[in-house]
N, C-alpha and C. Protein backbone atom coordinates (compact mmCIF):
# COMPACT_ATOMS: atom_id res chain seq x y z
N UNK A 1 98.14 -142.54 -48.62
CA UNK A 1 98.64 -141.31 -49.20
C UNK A 1 99.82 -141.59 -50.15
N UNK A 2 100.91 -142.12 -49.60
CA UNK A 2 102.11 -142.36 -50.38
C UNK A 2 102.23 -143.83 -50.80
N UNK A 3 101.14 -144.55 -50.75
CA UNK A 3 101.20 -145.97 -51.11
C UNK A 3 101.60 -146.14 -52.57
N UNK A 4 101.22 -145.19 -53.43
CA UNK A 4 101.55 -145.31 -54.84
C UNK A 4 103.03 -145.17 -55.09
N UNK A 5 103.67 -144.23 -54.40
CA UNK A 5 105.10 -143.99 -54.64
C UNK A 5 105.98 -144.87 -53.75
N UNK A 6 105.45 -145.30 -52.62
CA UNK A 6 106.25 -146.09 -51.67
C UNK A 6 105.57 -147.45 -51.45
N UNK A 7 105.41 -148.18 -52.53
CA UNK A 7 104.72 -149.47 -52.42
C UNK A 7 105.54 -150.45 -51.59
N UNK A 8 106.86 -150.43 -51.74
CA UNK A 8 107.72 -151.36 -51.00
C UNK A 8 107.60 -151.12 -49.51
N UNK A 9 107.58 -149.85 -49.11
CA UNK A 9 107.45 -149.53 -47.68
C UNK A 9 106.07 -149.95 -47.18
N UNK A 10 105.06 -149.74 -48.00
CA UNK A 10 103.71 -150.16 -47.61
C UNK A 10 103.63 -151.67 -47.43
N UNK A 11 104.25 -152.40 -48.34
CA UNK A 11 104.27 -153.86 -48.23
C UNK A 11 105.04 -154.29 -46.98
N UNK A 12 106.15 -153.59 -46.70
CA UNK A 12 106.96 -153.93 -45.53
C UNK A 12 106.14 -153.76 -44.25
N UNK A 13 105.46 -152.61 -44.13
CA UNK A 13 104.63 -152.40 -42.94
C UNK A 13 103.48 -153.40 -42.88
N UNK A 14 102.94 -153.75 -44.04
CA UNK A 14 101.86 -154.73 -44.06
C UNK A 14 102.33 -156.09 -43.58
N UNK A 15 103.53 -156.50 -44.05
CA UNK A 15 104.09 -157.78 -43.62
C UNK A 15 104.39 -157.74 -42.12
N UNK A 16 104.95 -156.64 -41.64
CA UNK A 16 105.24 -156.52 -40.20
C UNK A 16 103.93 -156.58 -39.41
N UNK A 17 102.90 -155.92 -39.92
CA UNK A 17 101.61 -155.93 -39.23
C UNK A 17 101.02 -157.33 -39.15
N UNK A 18 101.30 -158.16 -40.16
CA UNK A 18 100.79 -159.54 -40.16
C UNK A 18 101.66 -160.43 -39.27
N UNK A 19 102.97 -160.24 -39.33
CA UNK A 19 103.89 -161.12 -38.60
C UNK A 19 103.89 -160.84 -37.10
N UNK A 20 103.73 -159.56 -36.71
CA UNK A 20 103.83 -159.22 -35.28
C UNK A 20 102.85 -160.02 -34.43
N UNK A 21 101.55 -160.09 -34.76
CA UNK A 21 100.64 -160.90 -33.96
C UNK A 21 101.00 -162.38 -33.97
N UNK A 22 101.48 -162.89 -35.11
CA UNK A 22 101.85 -164.31 -35.18
C UNK A 22 103.04 -164.57 -34.27
N UNK A 23 104.02 -163.65 -34.26
CA UNK A 23 105.18 -163.82 -33.38
C UNK A 23 104.74 -163.76 -31.92
N UNK A 24 103.82 -162.85 -31.60
CA UNK A 24 103.33 -162.73 -30.22
C UNK A 24 102.61 -164.00 -29.80
N UNK A 25 101.75 -164.53 -30.69
CA UNK A 25 101.01 -165.76 -30.36
C UNK A 25 101.98 -166.93 -30.19
N UNK A 26 102.98 -167.00 -31.08
CA UNK A 26 103.98 -168.07 -30.97
C UNK A 26 104.75 -167.98 -29.66
N UNK A 27 105.09 -166.76 -29.25
CA UNK A 27 105.82 -166.58 -27.99
C UNK A 27 104.96 -166.99 -26.81
N UNK A 28 103.68 -166.64 -26.85
CA UNK A 28 102.77 -167.00 -25.74
C UNK A 28 102.64 -168.52 -25.66
N UNK A 29 102.45 -169.17 -26.81
CA UNK A 29 102.33 -170.64 -26.81
C UNK A 29 103.61 -171.27 -26.29
N UNK A 30 104.77 -170.72 -26.71
CA UNK A 30 106.05 -171.27 -26.24
C UNK A 30 106.17 -171.13 -24.72
N UNK A 31 105.78 -169.97 -24.19
CA UNK A 31 105.87 -169.75 -22.74
C UNK A 31 104.94 -170.70 -21.99
N UNK A 32 103.74 -170.92 -22.54
CA UNK A 32 102.80 -171.83 -21.88
C UNK A 32 103.36 -173.24 -21.85
N UNK A 33 103.92 -173.69 -22.97
CA UNK A 33 104.50 -175.04 -23.03
C UNK A 33 105.70 -175.13 -22.09
N UNK A 34 106.52 -174.08 -22.05
CA UNK A 34 107.70 -174.09 -21.17
C UNK A 34 107.27 -174.13 -19.71
N UNK A 35 106.21 -173.40 -19.37
CA UNK A 35 105.74 -173.39 -17.98
C UNK A 35 105.16 -174.74 -17.60
N UNK A 36 104.56 -175.45 -18.57
CA UNK A 36 104.01 -176.77 -18.26
C UNK A 36 105.13 -177.77 -18.02
N UNK A 37 106.25 -177.64 -18.75
CA UNK A 37 107.34 -178.59 -18.59
C UNK A 37 108.20 -178.28 -17.37
N UNK A 38 108.40 -177.00 -17.07
CA UNK A 38 109.33 -176.62 -15.99
C UNK A 38 108.88 -177.06 -14.59
N UNK A 39 107.60 -176.93 -14.19
CA UNK A 39 107.23 -177.35 -12.84
C UNK A 39 107.58 -178.79 -12.54
N UNK A 40 107.47 -179.66 -13.52
CA UNK A 40 107.84 -181.07 -13.30
C UNK A 40 109.30 -181.18 -12.94
N UNK A 41 110.14 -180.36 -13.56
CA UNK A 41 111.58 -180.43 -13.30
C UNK A 41 111.90 -179.79 -11.95
N UNK A 42 111.20 -178.69 -11.62
CA UNK A 42 111.53 -177.98 -10.38
C UNK A 42 110.95 -178.67 -9.15
N UNK A 43 109.89 -179.45 -9.32
CA UNK A 43 109.30 -180.13 -8.17
C UNK A 43 110.17 -181.29 -7.69
N UNK A 44 111.14 -181.71 -8.50
CA UNK A 44 112.00 -182.83 -8.13
C UNK A 44 112.89 -182.45 -6.96
N UNK A 45 113.14 -181.14 -6.77
CA UNK A 45 113.95 -180.69 -5.65
C UNK A 45 113.45 -181.30 -4.35
């Protein structure tokens, strides 16, 4: 609707829409790697 007059806002939402899944995937991968490393450290107890 307002994409013609608000192109910058449209681009901003488009970039956010693209980055949000990438950030979520990156966070999941980071958590998986962290969980793989942590048990080795906690089992030393």
